[in-house]
Structure formats: structure tokens, C-alpha cells
Amino acid sequence: MGSPNNLIALESSCGYTAMALRDIKPEEELFAFYSSDYFDDVEGGCPCQSCQHEAYTQRDADKQERQRDMQHQAEKDRIIIEEKQKEQKQRWRAKQKTKAKES
């Protein structure tokens, strides 16, 4: 990998402007340098506004999906509890009937 020959400046959308740091020959590969913290603490890994918007939109969608999953699980748990309570009542009633017949 070569040394940096251009400087990248981010713009407001998902794009960038590259400024040459020296003369670049035709078909020469561009090498850019990103500081070690360039992608740190950035939602989705890219600091441009478009990617940030997409990352936050995805994060919100993931949060909504987790909430739906939790609501669905809570509903399933509620049904299971109601079924167990119903079974307990039936066993209690059966026990009461047995006691009544014995007396």
C-alpha cells in the first residue's frame, strides 16, 4: 500500500471530495489516510449524514422489532399463565367434588 496521495473531505450526502496532495499520474491508484479514530463512535461505521441517517433508521427499526418480539413473548406468557390457572381451577374443582362425594 502506498502513502497517501489525496485528502478526503466528507460532504453532506454520502459522497466525498478528494483533493490531491501531489500530482497523480493517469491510472495511479488513490491512497487515502484515515485517522485511527475516523470510524470510532460512529453509528454504522461511516460519518456521512446519509449513512448516519440510514444507521439510525435501521437502529430504530431494530428497536421496534425487539419491542414487537417482547410484546409477542409477553402475550404468549400471558396465555400460558391463563391456561395453567384454568388447569389449577379444574383440579381444585375436581378435588372438591371428590371430597363432597366422600362425605
C-alpha atoms as a PDB file:
ATOM      1  CA  MET A   1       0.000   0.000   0.000  1.00  0.00           C
ATOM      2  CA  GLY A   2       1.332   3.395  -0.932  1.00  0.00           C
ATOM      3  CA  SER A   3       1.480   6.585   1.022  1.00  0.00           C
ATOM      4  CA  PRO A   4      -1.478   8.936   0.957  1.00  0.00           C
ATOM      5  CA  ASN A   5      -1.683  10.988  -2.237  1.00  0.00           C
ATOM      6  CA  ASN A   6      -5.016  12.664  -1.540  1.00  0.00           C
ATOM      7  CA  LEU A   7      -7.058  14.150   1.261  1.00  0.00           C
ATOM      8  CA  ILE A   8     -10.728  13.205   1.582  1.00  0.00           C
ATOM      9  CA  ALA A   9     -13.276  15.721   2.805  1.00  0.00           C
ATOM     10  CA  LEU A  10     -16.771  14.464   3.567  1.00  0.00           C
ATOM     11  CA  GLU A  11     -19.747  16.335   2.220  1.00  0.00           C
ATOM     12  CA  SER A  12     -23.335  16.468   3.439  1.00  0.00           C
ATOM     13  CA  SER A  13     -24.523  13.435   1.456  1.00  0.00           C
ATOM     14  CA  CYS A  14     -22.907  10.030   1.111  1.00  0.00           C
ATOM     15  CA  GLY A  15     -20.084  11.254  -1.006  1.00  0.00           C
ATOM     16  CA  TYR A  16     -16.728  12.897  -0.662  1.00  0.00           C
ATOM     17  CA  THR A  17     -14.328  15.249  -2.335  1.00  0.00           C
ATOM     18  CA  ALA A  18     -10.743  14.126  -2.819  1.00  0.00           C
ATOM     19  CA  MET A  19      -8.028  16.786  -3.012  1.00  0.00           C
ATOM     20  CA  ALA A  20      -4.685  15.752  -4.459  1.00  0.00           C
ATOM     21  CA  LEU A  21      -1.737  16.187  -2.131  1.00  0.00           C
ATOM     22  CA  ARG A  22       0.629  15.857  -5.107  1.00  0.00           C
ATOM     23  CA  ASP A  23       0.427  15.287  -8.836  1.00  0.00           C
ATOM     24  CA  ILE A  24      -1.274  11.985  -9.576  1.00  0.00           C
ATOM     25  CA  LYS A  25      -0.385  10.069 -12.724  1.00  0.00           C
ATOM     26  CA  PRO A  26      -3.096   8.681 -15.032  1.00  0.00           C
ATOM     27  CA  GLU A  27      -4.384   5.309 -13.756  1.00  0.00           C
ATOM     28  CA  GLU A  28      -2.434   5.689 -10.493  1.00  0.00           C
ATOM     29  CA  GLU A  29      -4.294   4.159  -7.566  1.00  0.00           C
ATOM     30  CA  LEU A  30      -5.539   6.638  -4.996  1.00  0.00           C
ATOM     31  CA  PHE A  31      -4.388   6.126  -1.425  1.00  0.00           C
ATOM     32  CA  ALA A  32      -6.069   7.996   1.386  1.00  0.00           C
ATOM     33  CA  PHE A  33      -5.257   8.077   5.075  1.00  0.00           C
ATOM     34  CA  TYR A  34      -7.954   7.870   7.724  1.00  0.00           C
ATOM     35  CA  SER A  35      -7.001   8.738  11.256  1.00  0.00           C
ATOM     36  CA  SER A  36      -7.278   5.918  13.771  1.00  0.00           C
ATOM     37  CA  ASP A  37     -10.475   7.382  15.225  1.00  0.00           C
ATOM     38  CA  TYR A  38     -12.147   8.208  11.896  1.00  0.00           C
ATOM     39  CA  PHE A  39     -14.790   5.464  12.188  1.00  0.00           C
ATOM     40  CA  ASP A  40     -14.863   5.255  16.008  1.00  0.00           C
ATOM     41  CA  ASP A  41     -18.035   6.130  17.878  1.00  0.00           C
ATOM     42  CA  VAL A  42     -19.980   6.423  14.646  1.00  0.00           C
ATOM     43  CA  GLU A  43     -23.288   4.624  14.178  1.00  0.00           C
ATOM     44  CA  GLY A  44     -22.937   2.311  11.162  1.00  0.00           C
ATOM     45  CA  GLY A  45     -19.219   2.937  10.699  1.00  0.00           C
ATOM     46  CA  CYS A  46     -19.414   5.917   8.298  1.00  0.00           C
ATOM     47  CA  PRO A  47     -19.684   9.519   9.493  1.00  0.00           C
ATOM     48  CA  CYS A  48     -21.521  10.968   6.466  1.00  0.00           C
ATOM     49  CA  GLN A  49     -25.068  12.249   7.028  1.00  0.00           C
ATOM     50  CA  SER A  50     -26.643   9.795   4.604  1.00  0.00           C
ATOM     51  CA  CYS A  51     -25.076   6.752   6.255  1.00  0.00           C
ATOM     52  CA  GLN A  52     -25.812   8.150   9.704  1.00  0.00           C
ATOM     53  CA  HIS A  53     -29.468   8.610   8.773  1.00  0.00           C
ATOM     54  CA  GLU A  54     -29.593   5.050   7.420  1.00  0.00           C
ATOM     55  CA  ALA A  55     -27.885   3.672  10.537  1.00  0.00           C
ATOM     56  CA  TYR A  56     -30.279   5.491  12.882  1.00  0.00           C
ATOM     57  CA  THR A  57     -33.258   4.414  10.774  1.00  0.00           C
ATOM     58  CA  GLN A  58     -32.052   0.791  10.964  1.00  0.00           C
ATOM     59  CA  ARG A  59     -31.429   1.125  14.713  1.00  0.00           C
ATOM     60  CA  ASP A  60     -34.974   2.415  15.199  1.00  0.00           C
ATOM     61  CA  ALA A  61     -36.382  -0.421  13.057  1.00  0.00           C
ATOM     62  CA  ASP A  62     -34.381  -2.946  15.104  1.00  0.00           C
ATOM     63  CA  LYS A  63     -35.688  -1.375  18.319  1.00  0.00           C
ATOM     64  CA  GLN A  64     -39.281  -1.596  17.076  1.00  0.00           C
ATOM     65  CA  GLU A  65     -38.744  -5.236  16.089  1.00  0.00           C
ATOM     66  CA  ARG A  66     -37.353  -6.035  19.562  1.00  0.00           C
ATOM     67  CA  GLN A  67     -40.372  -4.313  21.133  1.00  0.00           C
ATOM     68  CA  ARG A  68     -42.754  -6.357  18.941  1.00  0.00           C
ATOM     69  CA  ASP A  69     -40.880  -9.528  19.887  1.00  0.00           C
ATOM     70  CA  MET A  70     -41.152  -8.640  23.582  1.00  0.00           C
ATOM     71  CA  GLN A  71     -44.878  -7.900  23.244  1.00  0.00           C
ATOM     72  CA  HIS A  72     -45.390 -11.175  21.395  1.00  0.00           C
ATOM     73  CA  GLN A  73     -43.493 -13.083  24.097  1.00  0.00           C
ATOM     74  CA  ALA A  74     -45.469 -11.316  26.821  1.00  0.00           C
ATOM     75  CA  GLU A  75     -48.728 -12.333  25.099  1.00  0.00           C
ATOM     76  CA  LYS A  76     -47.537 -15.954  24.847  1.00  0.00           C
ATOM     77  CA  ASP A  77     -46.566 -15.891  28.544  1.00  0.00           C
ATOM     78  CA  ARG A  78     -49.970 -14.439  29.464  1.00  0.00           C
ATOM     79  CA  ILE A  79     -51.744 -17.252  27.568  1.00  0.00           C
ATOM     80  CA  ILE A  80     -49.602 -19.915  29.258  1.00  0.00           C
ATOM     81  CA  ILE A  81     -50.333 -18.439  32.687  1.00  0.00           C
ATOM     82  CA  GLU A  82     -54.065 -18.314  31.974  1.00  0.00           C
ATOM     83  CA  GLU A  83     -54.023 -21.970  30.822  1.00  0.00           C
ATOM     84  CA  LYS A  84     -52.167 -23.038  33.975  1.00  0.00           C
ATOM     85  CA  GLN A  85     -54.602 -21.109  36.153  1.00  0.00           C
ATOM     86  CA  LYS A  86     -57.507 -22.772  34.335  1.00  0.00           C
ATOM     87  CA  GLU A  87     -55.957 -26.214  34.882  1.00  0.00           C
ATOM     88  CA  GLN A  88     -55.439 -25.449  38.580  1.00  0.00           C
ATOM     89  CA  LYS A  89     -59.094 -24.396  38.947  1.00  0.00           C
ATOM     90  CA  GLN A  90     -60.239 -27.584  37.220  1.00  0.00           C
ATOM     91  CA  ARG A  91     -58.076 -29.732  39.519  1.00  0.00           C
ATOM     92  CA  TRP A  92     -59.358 -27.830  42.564  1.00  0.00           C
ATOM     93  CA  ARG A  93     -62.992 -28.299  41.451  1.00  0.00           C
ATOM     94  CA  ALA A  94     -62.398 -31.991  40.794  1.00  0.00           C
ATOM     95  CA  LYS A  95     -60.863 -32.320  44.254  1.00  0.00           C
ATOM     96  CA  GLN A  96     -63.848 -30.518  45.811  1.00  0.00           C
ATOM     97  CA  LYS A  97     -66.253 -32.853  44.008  1.00  0.00           C
ATOM     98  CA  THR A  98     -64.352 -35.881  45.240  1.00  0.00           C
ATOM     99  CA  LYS A  99     -64.459 -34.567  48.815  1.00  0.00           C
ATOM    100  CA  ALA A 100     -68.195 -33.866  48.509  1.00  0.00           C
ATOM    101  CA  LYS A 101     -68.871 -37.415  47.283  1.00  0.00           C
ATOM    102  CA  GLU A 102     -66.828 -38.898  50.127  1.00  0.00           C
ATOM    103  CA  SER A 103     -68.741 -37.021  52.802  1.00  0.00           C
END
